[in-house]
Amino acid sequence: MSRTAVFLAAVVILFVVFACREYICTCYQWYYLRYFKSLTREGAKTMLLAFDDAARESGLSYWLSEGTALGAVREGSYIEGDGDVDVGIFASQHDKLLHRVVPFLQRHHGVIATHRPLKTPPKPLHLLFPGIGRMDIDIVALGKPCMAIMWPRPCEEILPYLQSFRQARMYDRYFYVPQDDYLVRLYGADWRVPKPNFKPKEANGLR
């Protein structure tokens, strides 16, 4: 291969890397945080308090969901080994999330936002906190799949359990969480008993 060809190939590679730098960075953070970085209690606290600050500043209504709700109610803390922080919002809050909360977190915490692949919005959102961990935001809407009920099952299956909320104390703040019937639906009647590496599908035979 001639020197000219090598030079041109190098230029093309550098151009592609530059043009796709944000995508490459996002992919790196995603796989690093998902497969190589274990989320610690301190990391979960950092992410949740940062999100709560942004939500308060932006007037966003949300609740703790899935394992994060379970940890708040049962232990008052993040459950070690859960892997991420989970929150939920109704579709009516989607614009606030995208146009107020996400920019706030990007400015103050360098957060990278990615969507679950769906043809139409609102799409569930992943927030990557570089070097810390991942937060999943479930967007609950009729006719859409929901992460809380084992993706990609329909939100209609979880909506009956999101009719009322209570508050749980965690990290010296109070957070909204669903009622006990939500935890029973996801984790079984014995949800108060810790089970290592437990997943919601095991409680209801979901696959």
N, C-alpha and C. Protein backbone atom coordinates (compact mmCIF):
# COMPACT_ATOMS: atom_id res chain seq x y z
N MET A 1 0.84 -1.19 0.00
CA MET A 1 0.00 0.00 0.00
C MET A 1 0.88 1.25 0.00
N SER A 2 0.55 2.18 -0.86
CA SER A 2 1.36 3.39 -0.98
C SER A 2 1.18 4.29 0.24
N ARG A 3 2.13 5.20 0.41
CA ARG A 3 2.05 6.14 1.52
C ARG A 3 0.81 7.03 1.40
N THR A 4 0.46 7.36 0.18
CA THR A 4 -0.72 8.20 -0.05
C THR A 4 -1.98 7.50 0.43
N ALA A 5 -2.08 6.20 0.10
CA ALA A 5 -3.25 5.43 0.51
C ALA A 5 -3.32 5.32 2.03
N VAL A 6 -2.17 5.08 2.65
CA VAL A 6 -2.13 4.98 4.12
C VAL A 6 -2.54 6.30 4.75
N PHE A 7 -2.04 7.41 4.18
CA PHE A 7 -2.37 8.74 4.70
C PHE A 7 -3.87 9.00 4.58
N LEU A 8 -4.43 8.68 3.39
CA LEU A 8 -5.86 8.91 3.19
C LEU A 8 -6.71 8.05 4.13
N ALA A 9 -6.27 6.78 4.35
CA ALA A 9 -7.00 5.90 5.27
C ALA A 9 -6.97 6.46 6.69
N ALA A 10 -5.82 6.98 7.09
CA ALA A 10 -5.68 7.56 8.42
C ALA A 10 -6.58 8.78 8.58
N VAL A 11 -6.65 9.60 7.52
CA VAL A 11 -7.50 10.79 7.56
C VAL A 11 -8.96 10.39 7.71
N VAL A 12 -9.38 9.37 6.96
CA VAL A 12 -10.77 8.90 7.03
C VAL A 12 -11.08 8.38 8.43
N ILE A 13 -10.16 7.58 8.99
CA ILE A 13 -10.38 7.03 10.33
C ILE A 13 -10.49 8.15 11.37
N LEU A 14 -9.61 9.13 11.29
CA LEU A 14 -9.65 10.25 12.23
C LEU A 14 -10.94 11.04 12.08
N PHE A 15 -11.41 11.21 10.85
CA PHE A 15 -12.66 11.93 10.61
C PHE A 15 -13.83 11.18 11.22
N VAL A 16 -13.88 9.87 11.01
CA VAL A 16 -14.98 9.05 11.55
C VAL A 16 -14.98 9.10 13.07
N VAL A 17 -13.78 8.95 13.67
CA VAL A 17 -13.68 8.99 15.13
C VAL A 17 -14.15 10.34 15.66
N PHE A 18 -13.74 11.42 15.01
CA PHE A 18 -14.14 12.76 15.44
C PHE A 18 -15.64 12.95 15.30
N ALA A 19 -16.18 12.54 14.14
CA ALA A 19 -17.60 12.73 13.88
C ALA A 19 -18.47 11.90 14.82
N CYS A 20 -17.96 10.76 15.23
CA CYS A 20 -18.75 9.83 16.06
C CYS A 20 -18.27 9.81 17.51
N ARG A 21 -17.53 10.83 17.92
CA ARG A 21 -16.89 10.78 19.23
C ARG A 21 -17.91 10.65 20.37
N GLU A 22 -19.06 11.37 20.26
CA GLU A 22 -20.05 11.29 21.32
C GLU A 22 -20.68 9.90 21.38
N TYR A 23 -20.94 9.31 20.20
CA TYR A 23 -21.51 7.97 20.15
C TYR A 23 -20.52 6.95 20.72
N ILE A 24 -19.24 7.08 20.35
CA ILE A 24 -18.23 6.15 20.85
C ILE A 24 -18.10 6.27 22.37
N CYS A 25 -18.09 7.50 22.86
CA CYS A 25 -18.01 7.73 24.30
C CYS A 25 -19.21 7.13 25.02
N THR A 26 -20.40 7.30 24.44
CA THR A 26 -21.61 6.74 25.04
C THR A 26 -21.54 5.23 25.10
N CYS A 27 -21.12 4.60 23.99
CA CYS A 27 -21.01 3.13 23.96
C CYS A 27 -20.01 2.63 25.00
N TYR A 28 -18.88 3.33 25.09
CA TYR A 28 -17.86 2.94 26.07
C TYR A 28 -18.42 3.01 27.48
N GLN A 29 -19.07 4.14 27.80
CA GLN A 29 -19.62 4.29 29.14
C GLN A 29 -20.69 3.24 29.39
N TRP A 30 -21.54 2.96 28.41
CA TRP A 30 -22.61 1.97 28.58
C TRP A 30 -22.05 0.59 28.93
N TYR A 31 -21.12 0.11 28.13
CA TYR A 31 -20.59 -1.23 28.37
C TYR A 31 -19.73 -1.28 29.62
N TYR A 32 -19.00 -0.21 29.90
CA TYR A 32 -18.18 -0.17 31.10
C TYR A 32 -19.05 -0.21 32.35
N LEU A 33 -20.09 0.64 32.37
CA LEU A 33 -20.94 0.70 33.55
C LEU A 33 -21.82 -0.53 33.69
N ARG A 34 -22.17 -1.15 32.57
CA ARG A 34 -23.06 -2.31 32.63
C ARG A 34 -22.32 -3.59 32.98
N TYR A 35 -21.13 -3.77 32.44
CA TYR A 35 -20.47 -5.06 32.57
C TYR A 35 -19.20 -5.05 33.43
N PHE A 36 -18.62 -3.90 33.67
CA PHE A 36 -17.34 -3.89 34.37
C PHE A 36 -17.34 -3.08 35.66
N LYS A 37 -18.24 -2.13 35.79
CA LYS A 37 -18.27 -1.27 36.96
C LYS A 37 -19.41 -1.67 37.87
N SER A 38 -19.11 -2.06 39.11
CA SER A 38 -20.14 -2.41 40.08
C SER A 38 -20.62 -1.15 40.78
N LEU A 39 -21.91 -0.93 40.75
CA LEU A 39 -22.46 0.25 41.40
C LEU A 39 -22.41 0.07 42.91
N THR A 40 -21.82 1.03 43.59
CA THR A 40 -21.71 0.99 45.05
C THR A 40 -22.86 1.75 45.69
N ARG A 41 -23.04 1.56 46.98
CA ARG A 41 -24.08 2.31 47.69
C ARG A 41 -23.81 3.80 47.60
N GLU A 42 -22.55 4.18 47.72
CA GLU A 42 -22.21 5.60 47.65
C GLU A 42 -22.48 6.15 46.25
N GLY A 43 -22.20 5.34 45.22
CA GLY A 43 -22.49 5.76 43.85
C GLY A 43 -23.98 5.92 43.61
N ALA A 44 -24.77 4.97 44.13
CA ALA A 44 -26.23 5.05 43.99
C ALA A 44 -26.76 6.30 44.68
N LYS A 45 -26.22 6.58 45.86
CA LYS A 45 -26.63 7.78 46.60
C LYS A 45 -26.32 9.04 45.80
N THR A 46 -25.11 9.09 45.23
CA THR A 46 -24.71 10.26 44.44
C THR A 46 -25.67 10.48 43.27
N MET A 47 -25.98 9.42 42.54
CA MET A 47 -26.86 9.55 41.38
C MET A 47 -28.27 9.96 41.78
N LEU A 48 -28.81 9.30 42.81
CA LEU A 48 -30.19 9.57 43.19
C LEU A 48 -30.36 10.98 43.74
N LEU A 49 -29.43 11.43 44.56
CA LEU A 49 -29.53 12.78 45.10
C LEU A 49 -29.35 13.83 44.00
N ALA A 50 -28.46 13.54 43.04
CA ALA A 50 -28.28 14.46 41.91
C ALA A 50 -29.57 14.55 41.09
N PHE A 51 -30.19 13.40 40.84
CA PHE A 51 -31.45 13.39 40.08
C PHE A 51 -32.54 14.11 40.87
N ASP A 52 -32.60 13.88 42.16
CA ASP A 52 -33.62 14.52 42.99
C ASP A 52 -33.42 16.04 43.00
N ASP A 53 -32.18 16.49 43.08
CA ASP A 53 -31.92 17.94 43.00
C ASP A 53 -32.43 18.51 41.68
N ALA A 54 -32.15 17.80 40.58
CA ALA A 54 -32.59 18.26 39.26
C ALA A 54 -34.11 18.25 39.16
N ALA A 55 -34.74 17.21 39.72
CA ALA A 55 -36.20 17.11 39.67
C ALA A 55 -36.85 18.23 40.47
N ARG A 56 -36.31 18.52 41.65
CA ARG A 56 -36.86 19.61 42.46
C ARG A 56 -36.71 20.94 41.75
N GLU A 57 -35.56 21.16 41.15
CA GLU A 57 -35.29 22.40 40.43
C GLU A 57 -36.22 22.56 39.24
N SER A 58 -36.60 21.43 38.64
CA SER A 58 -37.38 21.45 37.38
C SER A 58 -38.87 21.21 37.59
N GLY A 59 -39.27 20.88 38.82
CA GLY A 59 -40.69 20.59 39.07
C GLY A 59 -41.14 19.27 38.51
N LEU A 60 -40.21 18.31 38.40
CA LEU A 60 -40.55 16.99 37.86
C LEU A 60 -41.10 16.08 38.95
N SER A 61 -42.23 15.44 38.65
CA SER A 61 -42.80 14.44 39.56
C SER A 61 -42.33 13.06 39.14
N TYR A 62 -41.82 12.27 40.09
CA TYR A 62 -41.32 10.93 39.77
C TYR A 62 -41.43 10.05 41.00
N TRP A 63 -41.17 8.78 40.83
CA TRP A 63 -41.16 7.86 41.96
C TRP A 63 -39.98 6.89 41.80
N LEU A 64 -39.58 6.30 42.91
CA LEU A 64 -38.59 5.24 42.86
C LEU A 64 -39.28 3.97 42.41
N SER A 65 -38.63 3.21 41.54
CA SER A 65 -39.26 2.00 41.01
C SER A 65 -38.35 0.79 41.17
N GLU A 66 -38.94 -0.36 40.93
CA GLU A 66 -38.23 -1.65 40.92
C GLU A 66 -37.34 -1.83 42.15
N GLY A 67 -36.09 -2.23 41.94
CA GLY A 67 -35.21 -2.53 43.06
C GLY A 67 -34.89 -1.34 43.92
N THR A 68 -34.92 -0.14 43.34
CA THR A 68 -34.66 1.07 44.13
C THR A 68 -35.80 1.34 45.10
N ALA A 69 -37.05 1.10 44.64
CA ALA A 69 -38.19 1.23 45.55
C ALA A 69 -38.12 0.17 46.64
N LEU A 70 -37.77 -1.05 46.26
CA LEU A 70 -37.65 -2.13 47.23
C LEU A 70 -36.61 -1.78 48.30
N GLY A 71 -35.46 -1.28 47.86
CA GLY A 71 -34.41 -0.91 48.81
C GLY A 71 -34.84 0.21 49.73
N ALA A 72 -35.54 1.21 49.19
CA ALA A 72 -35.99 2.35 50.00
C ALA A 72 -36.96 1.91 51.08
N VAL A 73 -37.92 1.04 50.71
CA VAL A 73 -38.95 0.61 51.66
C VAL A 73 -38.39 -0.40 52.65
N ARG A 74 -37.65 -1.37 52.16
CA ARG A 74 -37.21 -2.47 53.02
C ARG A 74 -35.96 -2.14 53.83
N GLU A 75 -35.03 -1.39 53.24
CA GLU A 75 -33.74 -1.20 53.89
C GLU A 75 -33.35 0.26 54.08
N GLY A 76 -34.10 1.17 53.45
CA GLY A 76 -33.74 2.58 53.55
C GLY A 76 -32.44 2.90 52.84
N SER A 77 -32.08 2.08 51.85
CA SER A 77 -30.81 2.27 51.15
C SER A 77 -30.84 1.51 49.82
N TYR A 78 -29.84 1.75 49.01
CA TYR A 78 -29.65 0.98 47.78
C TYR A 78 -29.28 -0.45 48.14
N ILE A 79 -29.83 -1.41 47.40
CA ILE A 79 -29.52 -2.83 47.63
C ILE A 79 -28.24 -3.17 46.87
N GLU A 80 -27.21 -3.48 47.60
CA GLU A 80 -25.92 -3.81 47.00
C GLU A 80 -26.10 -4.94 45.98
N GLY A 81 -25.57 -4.74 44.78
CA GLY A 81 -25.67 -5.75 43.73
C GLY A 81 -26.85 -5.56 42.80
N ASP A 82 -27.72 -4.58 43.07
CA ASP A 82 -28.87 -4.35 42.20
C ASP A 82 -28.43 -3.95 40.80
N GLY A 83 -27.37 -3.17 40.71
CA GLY A 83 -26.80 -2.87 39.40
C GLY A 83 -27.09 -1.49 38.85
N ASP A 84 -28.23 -0.89 39.22
CA ASP A 84 -28.56 0.45 38.73
C ASP A 84 -29.55 1.10 39.67
N VAL A 85 -29.89 2.34 39.36
CA VAL A 85 -30.93 3.07 40.09
C VAL A 85 -32.12 3.22 39.15
N ASP A 86 -33.31 2.93 39.65
CA ASP A 86 -34.52 2.95 38.82
C ASP A 86 -35.51 3.98 39.34
N VAL A 87 -36.02 4.80 38.44
CA VAL A 87 -37.11 5.71 38.77
C VAL A 87 -38.14 5.64 37.66
N GLY A 88 -39.34 6.11 37.95
CA GLY A 88 -40.41 6.10 36.96
C GLY A 88 -41.10 7.45 36.89
N ILE A 89 -41.62 7.78 35.72
CA ILE A 89 -42.43 8.99 35.55
C ILE A 89 -43.60 8.65 34.63
N PHE A 90 -44.66 9.43 34.73
CA PHE A 90 -45.74 9.32 33.77
C PHE A 90 -45.39 10.12 32.52
N ALA A 91 -45.99 9.75 31.41
CA ALA A 91 -45.65 10.38 30.12
C ALA A 91 -45.87 11.89 30.13
N SER A 92 -46.78 12.37 30.97
CA SER A 92 -47.05 13.81 31.04
C SER A 92 -45.83 14.60 31.52
N GLN A 93 -44.87 13.92 32.15
CA GLN A 93 -43.67 14.57 32.67
C GLN A 93 -42.48 14.47 31.70
N HIS A 94 -42.70 13.86 30.56
CA HIS A 94 -41.60 13.55 29.65
C HIS A 94 -40.86 14.80 29.16
N ASP A 95 -41.60 15.85 28.80
CA ASP A 95 -40.96 17.08 28.30
C ASP A 95 -40.09 17.73 29.37
N LYS A 96 -40.57 17.74 30.61
CA LYS A 96 -39.77 18.29 31.71
C LYS A 96 -38.48 17.50 31.88
N LEU A 97 -38.59 16.19 31.76
CA LEU A 97 -37.42 15.34 31.90
C LEU A 97 -36.38 15.68 30.84
N LEU A 98 -36.81 15.75 29.58
CA LEU A 98 -35.88 15.96 28.48
C LEU A 98 -35.32 17.38 28.42
N HIS A 99 -36.17 18.36 28.70
CA HIS A 99 -35.77 19.75 28.46
C HIS A 99 -35.31 20.50 29.71
N ARG A 100 -35.52 19.92 30.88
CA ARG A 100 -35.08 20.58 32.11
C ARG A 100 -34.13 19.70 32.93
N VAL A 101 -34.60 18.50 33.23
CA VAL A 101 -33.80 17.64 34.13
C VAL A 101 -32.51 17.18 33.47
N VAL A 102 -32.62 16.63 32.26
CA VAL A 102 -31.42 16.13 31.58
C VAL A 102 -30.38 17.22 31.36
N PRO A 103 -30.76 18.41 30.84
CA PRO A 103 -29.75 19.47 30.69
C PRO A 103 -29.10 19.87 32.02
N PHE A 104 -29.88 19.90 33.09
CA PHE A 104 -29.34 20.21 34.43
C PHE A 104 -28.27 19.21 34.81
N LEU A 105 -28.57 17.92 34.62
CA LEU A 105 -27.62 16.86 34.97
C LEU A 105 -26.39 16.87 34.06
N GLN A 106 -26.59 17.23 32.80
CA GLN A 106 -25.46 17.31 31.89
C GLN A 106 -24.51 18.45 32.29
N ARG A 107 -25.09 19.57 32.69
CA ARG A 107 -24.27 20.72 33.09
C ARG A 107 -23.50 20.45 34.38
N HIS A 108 -24.17 19.86 35.35
CA HIS A 108 -23.58 19.74 36.69
C HIS A 108 -22.88 18.41 36.95
N HIS A 109 -23.20 17.37 36.17
CA HIS A 109 -22.64 16.04 36.46
C HIS A 109 -22.09 15.33 35.23
N GLY A 110 -22.11 15.98 34.06
CA GLY A 110 -21.58 15.36 32.86
C GLY A 110 -22.33 14.12 32.42
N VAL A 111 -23.62 14.05 32.73
CA VAL A 111 -24.42 12.87 32.44
C VAL A 111 -24.59 12.68 30.92
N ILE A 112 -24.58 11.42 30.49
CA ILE A 112 -24.84 11.05 29.10
C ILE A 112 -26.21 10.39 29.05
N ALA A 113 -27.11 10.89 28.21
CA ALA A 113 -28.47 10.37 28.12
C ALA A 113 -28.64 9.54 26.85
N THR A 114 -29.18 8.34 26.98
CA THR A 114 -29.49 7.48 25.83
C THR A 114 -30.89 6.92 25.99
N HIS A 115 -31.53 6.64 24.85
CA HIS A 115 -32.89 6.11 24.86
C HIS A 115 -32.92 4.62 24.54
N ARG A 116 -33.93 3.95 25.06
CA ARG A 116 -34.24 2.61 24.60
C ARG A 116 -34.77 2.72 23.17
N PRO A 117 -34.46 1.75 22.31
CA PRO A 117 -34.92 1.83 20.93
C PRO A 117 -36.42 1.56 20.80
N LEU A 118 -37.20 2.60 20.54
CA LEU A 118 -38.62 2.48 20.27
C LEU A 118 -38.93 3.31 19.04
N LYS A 119 -39.95 2.92 18.29
CA LYS A 119 -40.30 3.64 17.07
C LYS A 119 -40.90 5.01 17.39
N THR A 120 -41.68 5.10 18.48
CA THR A 120 -42.34 6.36 18.80
C THR A 120 -42.08 6.74 20.25
N PRO A 121 -41.99 8.03 20.55
CA PRO A 121 -41.82 8.48 21.93
C PRO A 121 -43.14 8.33 22.70
N PRO A 122 -43.08 8.40 24.03
CA PRO A 122 -41.88 8.63 24.85
C PRO A 122 -41.07 7.34 25.02
N LYS A 123 -39.77 7.47 24.98
CA LYS A 123 -38.88 6.32 25.08
C LYS A 123 -38.22 6.27 26.45
N PRO A 124 -38.17 5.09 27.08
CA PRO A 124 -37.43 4.97 28.34
C PRO A 124 -36.01 5.50 28.19
N LEU A 125 -35.51 6.11 29.24
CA LEU A 125 -34.25 6.82 29.17
C LEU A 125 -33.22 6.20 30.11
N HIS A 126 -31.98 6.12 29.64
CA HIS A 126 -30.86 5.71 30.48
C HIS A 126 -29.97 6.93 30.73
N LEU A 127 -29.62 7.18 31.97
CA LEU A 127 -28.69 8.25 32.30
C LEU A 127 -27.39 7.62 32.78
N LEU A 128 -26.31 7.89 32.08
CA LEU A 128 -25.01 7.35 32.43
C LEU A 128 -24.22 8.42 33.18
N PHE A 129 -23.90 8.12 34.43
CA PHE A 129 -23.06 9.01 35.24
C PHE A 129 -21.63 8.51 35.11
N PRO A 130 -20.79 9.19 34.34
CA PRO A 130 -19.43 8.69 34.05
C PRO A 130 -18.67 8.30 35.31
N GLY A 131 -18.15 7.07 35.28
CA GLY A 131 -17.35 6.57 36.38
C GLY A 131 -18.13 6.15 37.60
N ILE A 132 -19.47 6.29 37.56
CA ILE A 132 -20.29 5.96 38.74
C ILE A 132 -21.25 4.82 38.46
N GLY A 133 -22.17 5.03 37.52
CA GLY A 133 -23.17 4.00 37.25
C GLY A 133 -24.27 4.49 36.34
N ARG A 134 -25.34 3.69 36.26
CA ARG A 134 -26.42 3.94 35.33
C ARG A 134 -27.74 4.10 36.07
N MET A 135 -28.55 5.05 35.62
CA MET A 135 -29.91 5.23 36.12
C MET A 135 -30.88 4.97 34.98
N ASP A 136 -31.89 4.14 35.24
CA ASP A 136 -32.92 3.86 34.24
C ASP A 136 -34.18 4.61 34.61
N ILE A 137 -34.77 5.30 33.62
CA ILE A 137 -36.00 6.05 33.85
C ILE A 137 -37.10 5.44 32.99
N ASP A 138 -38.08 4.85 33.65
CA ASP A 138 -39.20 4.23 32.96
C ASP A 138 -40.25 5.30 32.68
N ILE A 139 -40.69 5.40 31.42
CA ILE A 139 -41.73 6.35 31.03
C ILE A 139 -43.03 5.56 30.90
N VAL A 140 -43.94 5.76 31.81
CA VAL A 140 -45.17 4.96 31.86
C VAL A 140 -46.26 5.62 31.04
N ALA A 141 -46.73 4.90 30.02
CA ALA A 141 -47.78 5.43 29.15
C ALA A 141 -48.57 4.27 28.57
N LEU A 142 -49.85 4.50 28.29
CA LEU A 142 -50.68 3.47 27.68
C LEU A 142 -50.14 3.11 26.29
N GLY A 143 -50.15 1.83 25.98
CA GLY A 143 -49.71 1.37 24.68
C GLY A 143 -48.21 1.31 24.50
N LYS A 144 -47.45 1.48 25.60
CA LYS A 144 -45.99 1.45 25.53
C LYS A 144 -45.46 0.30 26.40
N PRO A 145 -44.26 -0.19 26.07
CA PRO A 145 -43.63 -1.18 26.95
C PRO A 145 -43.02 -0.50 28.16
N CYS A 146 -42.99 -1.20 29.29
CA CYS A 146 -42.43 -0.66 30.52
C CYS A 146 -41.31 -1.54 31.03
N MET A 147 -40.24 -0.94 31.51
CA MET A 147 -39.13 -1.69 32.06
C MET A 147 -39.49 -2.36 33.37
N ALA A 148 -40.37 -1.72 34.16
CA ALA A 148 -40.67 -2.24 35.50
C ALA A 148 -41.36 -3.59 35.46
N ILE A 149 -42.02 -3.92 34.37
CA ILE A 149 -42.77 -5.17 34.29
C ILE A 149 -42.07 -6.18 33.40
N MET A 150 -40.76 -6.07 33.32
CA MET A 150 -39.93 -6.95 32.50
C MET A 150 -40.08 -6.60 31.02
N TRP A 151 -39.27 -5.69 30.58
CA TRP A 151 -39.24 -5.22 29.19
C TRP A 151 -39.25 -6.39 28.21
N PRO A 152 -40.10 -6.34 27.15
CA PRO A 152 -40.93 -5.20 26.73
C PRO A 152 -42.41 -5.43 27.01
N ARG A 153 -42.78 -5.87 28.18
CA ARG A 153 -44.19 -6.08 28.50
C ARG A 153 -44.92 -4.73 28.57
N PRO A 154 -46.25 -4.70 28.30
CA PRO A 154 -46.97 -3.43 28.22
C PRO A 154 -47.15 -2.75 29.58
N CYS A 155 -47.14 -1.42 29.56
CA CYS A 155 -47.32 -0.65 30.78
C CYS A 155 -48.68 -0.93 31.45
N GLU A 156 -49.66 -1.35 30.65
CA GLU A 156 -50.97 -1.63 31.23
C GLU A 156 -50.91 -2.65 32.37
N GLU A 157 -49.88 -3.50 32.35
CA GLU A 157 -49.76 -4.51 33.41
C GLU A 157 -49.29 -3.92 34.74
N ILE A 158 -48.62 -2.79 34.70
CA ILE A 158 -48.11 -2.20 35.93
C ILE A 158 -48.92 -0.99 36.39
N LEU A 159 -49.72 -0.39 35.48
CA LEU A 159 -50.47 0.82 35.82
C LEU A 159 -51.41 0.65 37.02
N PRO A 160 -52.09 -0.51 37.18
CA PRO A 160 -52.97 -0.66 38.35
C PRO A 160 -52.23 -0.52 39.69
N TYR A 161 -50.93 -0.72 39.66
CA TYR A 161 -50.14 -0.66 40.90
C TYR A 161 -49.49 0.72 41.07
N LEU A 162 -49.85 1.66 40.21
CA LEU A 162 -49.29 3.01 40.28
C LEU A 162 -50.39 4.05 40.47
N GLN A 163 -51.45 3.66 41.16
CA GLN A 163 -52.57 4.56 41.38
C GLN A 163 -52.38 5.46 42.59
N SER A 164 -51.56 5.02 43.54
CA SER A 164 -51.28 5.85 44.72
C SER A 164 -49.85 5.58 45.19
N PHE A 165 -49.30 6.55 45.89
CA PHE A 165 -47.92 6.46 46.33
C PHE A 165 -47.81 6.86 47.80
N ARG A 166 -46.73 6.48 48.42
CA ARG A 166 -46.40 6.89 49.77
C ARG A 166 -44.97 7.40 49.75
N GLN A 167 -44.48 7.82 50.90
CA GLN A 167 -43.11 8.30 50.97
C GLN A 167 -42.23 7.35 51.78
N ALA A 168 -41.00 7.19 51.33
CA ALA A 168 -40.02 6.38 52.04
C ALA A 168 -38.78 7.23 52.28
N ARG A 169 -38.18 7.08 53.44
CA ARG A 169 -37.00 7.87 53.79
C ARG A 169 -35.73 7.14 53.36
N MET A 170 -34.88 7.85 52.63
CA MET A 170 -33.61 7.29 52.21
C MET A 170 -32.63 8.44 52.00
N TYR A 171 -31.41 8.30 52.51
CA TYR A 171 -30.38 9.33 52.38
C TYR A 171 -30.85 10.68 52.95
N ASP A 172 -31.58 10.61 54.06
CA ASP A 172 -32.07 11.81 54.75
C ASP A 172 -33.02 12.65 53.90
N ARG A 173 -33.65 12.01 52.91
CA ARG A 173 -34.70 12.66 52.14
C ARG A 173 -35.89 11.72 52.03
N TYR A 174 -37.02 12.27 51.64
CA TYR A 174 -38.21 11.45 51.42
C TYR A 174 -38.49 11.35 49.93
N PHE A 175 -38.73 10.12 49.48
CA PHE A 175 -38.99 9.85 48.07
C PHE A 175 -40.35 9.15 47.94
N TYR A 176 -41.03 9.44 46.83
CA TYR A 176 -42.28 8.74 46.56
C TYR A 176 -41.98 7.33 46.05
N VAL A 177 -42.74 6.37 46.57
CA VAL A 177 -42.63 4.97 46.14
C VAL A 177 -44.04 4.40 46.01
N PRO A 178 -44.24 3.38 45.17
CA PRO A 178 -45.55 2.75 45.06
C PRO A 178 -45.91 2.01 46.36
N GLN A 179 -47.17 1.61 46.45
CA GLN A 179 -47.66 0.88 47.62
C GLN A 179 -47.14 -0.56 47.62
N ASP A 180 -47.43 -1.28 48.71
CA ASP A 180 -46.91 -2.64 48.87
C ASP A 180 -47.36 -3.58 47.76
N ASP A 181 -48.56 -3.38 47.20
CA ASP A 181 -49.03 -4.31 46.17
C ASP A 181 -48.12 -4.29 44.93
N TYR A 182 -47.47 -3.15 44.69
CA TYR A 182 -46.48 -3.05 43.60
C TYR A 182 -45.29 -3.97 43.88
N LEU A 183 -44.80 -3.95 45.11
CA LEU A 183 -43.65 -4.79 45.48
C LEU A 183 -44.04 -6.27 45.46
N VAL A 184 -45.27 -6.58 45.85
CA VAL A 184 -45.74 -7.96 45.78
C VAL A 184 -45.79 -8.42 44.32
N ARG A 185 -46.28 -7.54 43.43
CA ARG A 185 -46.37 -7.90 42.01
C ARG A 185 -45.01 -8.21 41.42
N LEU A 186 -43.99 -7.42 41.81
CA LEU A 186 -42.67 -7.60 41.22
C LEU A 186 -41.81 -8.63 41.95
N TYR A 187 -41.95 -8.70 43.26
CA TYR A 187 -41.00 -9.49 44.05
C TYR A 187 -41.64 -10.60 44.88
N GLY A 188 -42.97 -10.76 44.77
CA GLY A 188 -43.62 -11.83 45.50
C GLY A 188 -44.07 -11.40 46.88
N ALA A 189 -44.94 -12.23 47.49
CA ALA A 189 -45.50 -11.90 48.79
C ALA A 189 -44.44 -11.80 49.88
N ASP A 190 -43.31 -12.46 49.68
CA ASP A 190 -42.24 -12.42 50.68
C ASP A 190 -41.16 -11.39 50.32
N TRP A 191 -41.55 -10.27 49.72
CA TRP A 191 -40.59 -9.27 49.26
C TRP A 191 -39.76 -8.69 50.40
N ARG A 192 -40.24 -8.82 51.63
CA ARG A 192 -39.47 -8.31 52.77
C ARG A 192 -38.24 -9.15 53.08
N VAL A 193 -38.17 -10.34 52.52
CA VAL A 193 -37.05 -11.24 52.76
C VAL A 193 -36.00 -11.04 51.67
N PRO A 194 -34.77 -10.61 52.03
CA PRO A 194 -33.73 -10.42 51.01
C PRO A 194 -33.40 -11.70 50.26
N LYS A 195 -33.25 -11.59 48.93
CA LYS A 195 -32.91 -12.74 48.10
C LYS A 195 -31.78 -12.31 47.16
N PRO A 196 -30.59 -12.83 47.34
CA PRO A 196 -29.46 -12.44 46.47
C PRO A 196 -29.74 -12.73 45.00
N ASN A 197 -29.40 -11.77 44.14
CA ASN A 197 -29.51 -11.92 42.68
C ASN A 197 -30.92 -12.19 42.19
N PHE A 198 -31.93 -11.76 42.96
CA PHE A 198 -33.32 -12.00 42.60
C PHE A 198 -33.77 -11.03 41.51
N LYS A 199 -34.56 -11.53 40.55
CA LYS A 199 -35.12 -10.70 39.49
C LYS A 199 -36.65 -10.79 39.55
N PRO A 200 -37.37 -9.70 39.22
CA PRO A 200 -38.83 -9.70 39.31
C PRO A 200 -39.51 -10.84 38.59
N LYS A 201 -38.96 -11.28 37.44
CA LYS A 201 -39.64 -12.33 36.67
C LYS A 201 -39.76 -13.62 37.47
N GLU A 202 -38.91 -13.83 38.45
CA GLU A 202 -38.94 -15.06 39.23
C GLU A 202 -40.14 -15.12 40.16
N ALA A 203 -40.70 -13.96 40.50
CA ALA A 203 -41.85 -13.92 41.40
C ALA A 203 -43.13 -14.33 40.71
N ASN A 204 -43.23 -14.11 39.41
CA ASN A 204 -44.49 -14.33 38.70
C ASN A 204 -44.37 -15.23 37.48
N GLY A 205 -43.25 -15.93 37.39
CA GLY A 205 -43.08 -16.85 36.28
C GLY A 205 -42.92 -16.17 34.94
N LEU A 206 -42.47 -14.92 34.92
CA LEU A 206 -42.32 -14.18 33.67
C LEU A 206 -41.05 -14.60 32.97
N ARG A 207 -41.07 -14.58 31.67
CA ARG A 207 -39.89 -14.92 30.86
C ARG A 207 -39.72 -13.89 29.75
